[in-house]
Amino acid sequence: MNSIQNRLFVDLDYVYGQDGWELDDSDPENLVARLSGKQGEAELSINKDLLTLKTKWGKDKTYNLEGVVVYTPVTGKVYVPRQAVNLMKLAGIH
């Protein structure tokens, strides 16, 4: 069970730090965790299995993840599948 949790629920604070990402709540029905890096930006749709990578060259790609992105309002934490972390690192967002 621990291996599944470690694969599907990675704390963004643990990987990127509290200042490494922000929660866009401008549309309360569609919350998005946003990250920026040297090569572009990433958007993780809360309660969905989507990761959108936007490169600085204007090329966007959306991935279906193996699990959903979870936001816990009480703690302010966001948990993402490890797959999302790996894809963001490959895209230069780390």
N, C-alpha and C. Protein backbone atom coordinates (compact mmCIF):
# COMPACT_ATOMS: atom_id res chain seq x y z
N MET A 1 0.82 -1.20 0.00
CA MET A 1 0.00 0.00 0.00
C MET A 1 0.87 1.27 0.00
N ASN A 2 1.97 1.24 0.74
CA ASN A 2 2.86 2.41 0.77
C ASN A 2 3.42 2.75 -0.60
N SER A 3 3.75 1.72 -1.37
CA SER A 3 4.32 2.00 -2.70
C SER A 3 3.29 2.66 -3.61
N ILE A 4 2.03 2.28 -3.46
CA ILE A 4 0.97 2.92 -4.25
C ILE A 4 0.80 4.37 -3.81
N GLN A 5 0.80 4.61 -2.50
CA GLN A 5 0.68 5.98 -2.00
C GLN A 5 1.84 6.84 -2.49
N ASN A 6 3.05 6.29 -2.43
CA ASN A 6 4.23 7.04 -2.88
C ASN A 6 4.20 7.31 -4.38
N ARG A 7 3.52 6.47 -5.11
CA ARG A 7 3.43 6.64 -6.56
C ARG A 7 2.33 7.62 -6.95
N LEU A 8 1.22 7.61 -6.22
CA LEU A 8 0.06 8.41 -6.62
C LEU A 8 -0.11 9.72 -5.86
N PHE A 9 0.55 9.85 -4.70
CA PHE A 9 0.33 11.03 -3.86
C PHE A 9 1.65 11.64 -3.41
N VAL A 10 2.28 12.39 -4.31
CA VAL A 10 3.54 13.07 -4.00
C VAL A 10 3.20 14.52 -3.63
N ASP A 11 3.67 14.95 -2.48
CA ASP A 11 3.42 16.30 -1.98
C ASP A 11 4.25 17.31 -2.78
N LEU A 12 3.58 18.27 -3.43
CA LEU A 12 4.31 19.28 -4.21
C LEU A 12 5.29 20.07 -3.35
N ASP A 13 4.93 20.33 -2.08
CA ASP A 13 5.84 21.04 -1.18
C ASP A 13 7.13 20.26 -0.99
N TYR A 14 7.03 18.95 -0.91
CA TYR A 14 8.21 18.11 -0.69
C TYR A 14 9.16 18.19 -1.89
N VAL A 15 8.60 18.21 -3.09
CA VAL A 15 9.41 18.20 -4.31
C VAL A 15 9.87 19.61 -4.70
N TYR A 16 8.97 20.59 -4.63
CA TYR A 16 9.26 21.93 -5.14
C TYR A 16 9.35 23.01 -4.06
N GLY A 17 9.04 22.67 -2.83
CA GLY A 17 9.03 23.67 -1.75
C GLY A 17 7.75 24.48 -1.80
N GLN A 18 7.45 25.14 -0.68
CA GLN A 18 6.21 25.92 -0.60
C GLN A 18 6.17 27.08 -1.58
N ASP A 19 7.33 27.60 -1.93
CA ASP A 19 7.38 28.73 -2.86
C ASP A 19 7.59 28.30 -4.31
N GLY A 20 7.64 27.00 -4.56
CA GLY A 20 7.90 26.49 -5.90
C GLY A 20 6.67 26.34 -6.78
N TRP A 21 5.51 26.57 -6.20
CA TRP A 21 4.26 26.44 -6.96
C TRP A 21 3.23 27.38 -6.34
N GLU A 22 2.15 27.61 -7.09
CA GLU A 22 1.06 28.43 -6.56
C GLU A 22 -0.28 27.84 -6.97
N LEU A 23 -1.28 28.09 -6.15
CA LEU A 23 -2.62 27.62 -6.45
C LEU A 23 -3.40 28.76 -7.08
N ASP A 24 -3.86 28.57 -8.31
CA ASP A 24 -4.68 29.56 -9.00
C ASP A 24 -6.13 29.24 -8.68
N ASP A 25 -6.74 30.10 -7.85
CA ASP A 25 -8.14 29.89 -7.47
C ASP A 25 -9.04 30.98 -8.05
N SER A 26 -8.60 31.58 -9.16
CA SER A 26 -9.40 32.63 -9.80
C SER A 26 -10.74 32.10 -10.30
N ASP A 27 -10.79 30.81 -10.62
CA ASP A 27 -12.05 30.14 -10.96
C ASP A 27 -12.25 29.04 -9.92
N PRO A 28 -13.07 29.28 -8.89
CA PRO A 28 -13.23 28.32 -7.80
C PRO A 28 -13.70 26.93 -8.25
N GLU A 29 -14.30 26.85 -9.42
CA GLU A 29 -14.76 25.56 -9.94
C GLU A 29 -13.65 24.80 -10.65
N ASN A 30 -12.57 25.48 -10.99
CA ASN A 30 -11.46 24.86 -11.73
C ASN A 30 -10.12 25.32 -11.16
N LEU A 31 -9.79 24.84 -9.97
CA LEU A 31 -8.52 25.19 -9.35
C LEU A 31 -7.37 24.57 -10.13
N VAL A 32 -6.25 25.28 -10.17
CA VAL A 32 -5.08 24.81 -10.92
C VAL A 32 -3.82 25.10 -10.10
N ALA A 33 -2.96 24.10 -9.96
CA ALA A 33 -1.63 24.31 -9.38
C ALA A 33 -0.70 24.68 -10.53
N ARG A 34 0.05 25.77 -10.36
CA ARG A 34 0.95 26.25 -11.42
C ARG A 34 2.39 26.24 -10.92
N LEU A 35 3.27 25.80 -11.82
CA LEU A 35 4.70 25.78 -11.54
C LEU A 35 5.42 26.40 -12.72
N SER A 36 6.54 27.06 -12.44
CA SER A 36 7.34 27.66 -13.50
C SER A 36 8.77 27.17 -13.40
N GLY A 37 9.41 27.08 -14.55
CA GLY A 37 10.81 26.69 -14.60
C GLY A 37 11.51 27.41 -15.73
N LYS A 38 12.78 27.10 -15.91
CA LYS A 38 13.56 27.76 -16.96
C LYS A 38 13.04 27.45 -18.36
N GLN A 39 12.47 26.27 -18.54
CA GLN A 39 12.02 25.84 -19.86
C GLN A 39 10.54 26.08 -20.13
N GLY A 40 9.77 26.48 -19.10
CA GLY A 40 8.35 26.70 -19.34
C GLY A 40 7.53 26.64 -18.06
N GLU A 41 6.27 26.29 -18.23
CA GLU A 41 5.33 26.25 -17.12
C GLU A 41 4.55 24.94 -17.13
N ALA A 42 4.02 24.60 -15.96
CA ALA A 42 3.17 23.42 -15.83
C ALA A 42 1.88 23.82 -15.14
N GLU A 43 0.79 23.21 -15.58
CA GLU A 43 -0.52 23.42 -14.95
C GLU A 43 -1.08 22.05 -14.59
N LEU A 44 -1.44 21.90 -13.32
CA LEU A 44 -2.04 20.67 -12.83
C LEU A 44 -3.47 20.97 -12.39
N SER A 45 -4.43 20.42 -13.09
CA SER A 45 -5.84 20.67 -12.78
C SER A 45 -6.24 19.86 -11.55
N ILE A 46 -6.75 20.57 -10.54
CA ILE A 46 -7.15 19.92 -9.29
C ILE A 46 -8.37 19.03 -9.52
N ASN A 47 -8.36 17.86 -8.90
CA ASN A 47 -9.42 16.85 -8.99
C ASN A 47 -9.57 16.28 -10.40
N LYS A 48 -8.52 16.41 -11.19
CA LYS A 48 -8.51 15.84 -12.54
C LYS A 48 -7.19 15.12 -12.74
N ASP A 49 -7.09 14.39 -13.81
CA ASP A 49 -5.86 13.63 -14.10
C ASP A 49 -5.09 14.27 -15.24
N LEU A 50 -5.02 15.61 -15.23
CA LEU A 50 -4.41 16.33 -16.35
C LEU A 50 -3.20 17.16 -15.93
N LEU A 51 -2.17 17.10 -16.75
CA LEU A 51 -0.98 17.94 -16.62
C LEU A 51 -0.76 18.60 -17.97
N THR A 52 -0.69 19.93 -17.99
CA THR A 52 -0.38 20.65 -19.22
C THR A 52 0.98 21.31 -19.07
N LEU A 53 1.87 21.00 -19.99
CA LEU A 53 3.20 21.61 -20.03
C LEU A 53 3.22 22.64 -21.14
N LYS A 54 3.67 23.84 -20.81
CA LYS A 54 3.76 24.94 -21.78
C LYS A 54 5.22 25.36 -21.86
N THR A 55 5.83 25.13 -23.01
CA THR A 55 7.24 25.48 -23.17
C THR A 55 7.39 26.96 -23.48
N LYS A 56 8.59 27.47 -23.25
CA LYS A 56 8.84 28.88 -23.56
C LYS A 56 8.84 29.13 -25.06
N TRP A 57 8.83 28.07 -25.86
CA TRP A 57 8.79 28.18 -27.32
C TRP A 57 7.36 28.13 -27.84
N GLY A 58 6.37 28.11 -26.94
CA GLY A 58 4.98 28.13 -27.35
C GLY A 58 4.37 26.79 -27.67
N LYS A 59 5.06 25.72 -27.33
CA LYS A 59 4.53 24.38 -27.60
C LYS A 59 3.89 23.83 -26.32
N ASP A 60 2.60 23.52 -26.41
CA ASP A 60 1.86 22.99 -25.26
C ASP A 60 1.57 21.51 -25.47
N LYS A 61 1.59 20.77 -24.38
CA LYS A 61 1.23 19.36 -24.44
C LYS A 61 0.50 19.00 -23.16
N THR A 62 -0.63 18.30 -23.30
CA THR A 62 -1.41 17.86 -22.15
C THR A 62 -1.29 16.35 -22.02
N TYR A 63 -1.06 15.92 -20.78
CA TYR A 63 -0.91 14.49 -20.48
C TYR A 63 -2.03 14.04 -19.56
N ASN A 64 -2.54 12.83 -19.82
CA ASN A 64 -3.44 12.17 -18.88
C ASN A 64 -2.56 11.42 -17.88
N LEU A 65 -2.76 11.71 -16.61
CA LEU A 65 -1.95 11.10 -15.56
C LEU A 65 -2.59 9.82 -15.06
N GLU A 66 -1.80 9.00 -14.37
CA GLU A 66 -2.31 7.73 -13.86
C GLU A 66 -3.13 7.89 -12.58
N GLY A 67 -3.24 9.09 -12.08
CA GLY A 67 -4.05 9.38 -10.90
C GLY A 67 -4.49 10.84 -10.95
N VAL A 68 -5.35 11.22 -10.02
CA VAL A 68 -5.85 12.60 -10.00
C VAL A 68 -4.97 13.48 -9.11
N VAL A 69 -5.02 14.77 -9.37
CA VAL A 69 -4.34 15.77 -8.56
C VAL A 69 -5.28 16.12 -7.41
N VAL A 70 -4.77 16.06 -6.18
CA VAL A 70 -5.61 16.26 -5.00
C VAL A 70 -5.16 17.51 -4.25
N TYR A 71 -6.13 18.36 -3.91
CA TYR A 71 -5.87 19.55 -3.09
C TYR A 71 -6.59 19.38 -1.77
N THR A 72 -5.88 19.61 -0.66
CA THR A 72 -6.50 19.54 0.66
C THR A 72 -6.55 20.95 1.24
N PRO A 73 -7.72 21.58 1.23
CA PRO A 73 -7.84 22.97 1.67
C PRO A 73 -7.42 23.19 3.13
N VAL A 74 -7.64 22.21 3.99
CA VAL A 74 -7.30 22.37 5.40
C VAL A 74 -5.80 22.59 5.58
N THR A 75 -4.99 21.85 4.84
CA THR A 75 -3.53 21.97 4.96
C THR A 75 -2.92 22.84 3.87
N GLY A 76 -3.68 23.09 2.81
CA GLY A 76 -3.16 23.86 1.68
C GLY A 76 -2.19 23.09 0.81
N LYS A 77 -2.17 21.78 0.96
CA LYS A 77 -1.23 20.94 0.21
C LYS A 77 -1.88 20.39 -1.06
N VAL A 78 -1.01 20.14 -2.05
CA VAL A 78 -1.43 19.52 -3.30
C VAL A 78 -0.60 18.26 -3.48
N TYR A 79 -1.28 17.17 -3.82
CA TYR A 79 -0.64 15.88 -4.05
C TYR A 79 -0.84 15.48 -5.51
N VAL A 80 0.24 15.04 -6.14
CA VAL A 80 0.20 14.68 -7.55
C VAL A 80 0.81 13.30 -7.76
N PRO A 81 0.45 12.62 -8.84
CA PRO A 81 1.12 11.36 -9.16
C PRO A 81 2.61 11.59 -9.46
N ARG A 82 3.45 10.65 -9.06
CA ARG A 82 4.89 10.75 -9.34
C ARG A 82 5.14 10.93 -10.84
N GLN A 83 4.27 10.37 -11.66
CA GLN A 83 4.38 10.52 -13.11
C GLN A 83 4.42 12.01 -13.49
N ALA A 84 3.61 12.84 -12.84
CA ALA A 84 3.59 14.28 -13.13
C ALA A 84 4.92 14.91 -12.78
N VAL A 85 5.49 14.54 -11.64
CA VAL A 85 6.79 15.07 -11.23
C VAL A 85 7.85 14.70 -12.26
N ASN A 86 7.84 13.45 -12.69
CA ASN A 86 8.83 13.00 -13.68
C ASN A 86 8.68 13.75 -15.00
N LEU A 87 7.45 13.94 -15.46
CA LEU A 87 7.22 14.66 -16.71
C LEU A 87 7.66 16.12 -16.61
N MET A 88 7.38 16.75 -15.46
CA MET A 88 7.77 18.14 -15.28
C MET A 88 9.29 18.27 -15.25
N LYS A 89 9.96 17.34 -14.60
CA LYS A 89 11.43 17.39 -14.56
C LYS A 89 12.02 17.21 -15.96
N LEU A 90 11.44 16.29 -16.73
CA LEU A 90 11.91 16.09 -18.11
C LEU A 90 11.72 17.35 -18.95
N ALA A 91 10.68 18.12 -18.62
CA ALA A 91 10.38 19.35 -19.36
C ALA A 91 11.18 20.55 -18.84
N GLY A 92 12.04 20.34 -17.86
CA GLY A 92 12.85 21.43 -17.34
C GLY A 92 12.18 22.25 -16.26
N ILE A 93 11.13 21.71 -15.66
CA ILE A 93 10.45 22.40 -14.58
C ILE A 93 10.80 21.68 -13.29
N HIS A 94 11.84 22.19 -12.63
CA HIS A 94 12.29 21.58 -11.38
C HIS A 94 13.00 22.57 -10.51
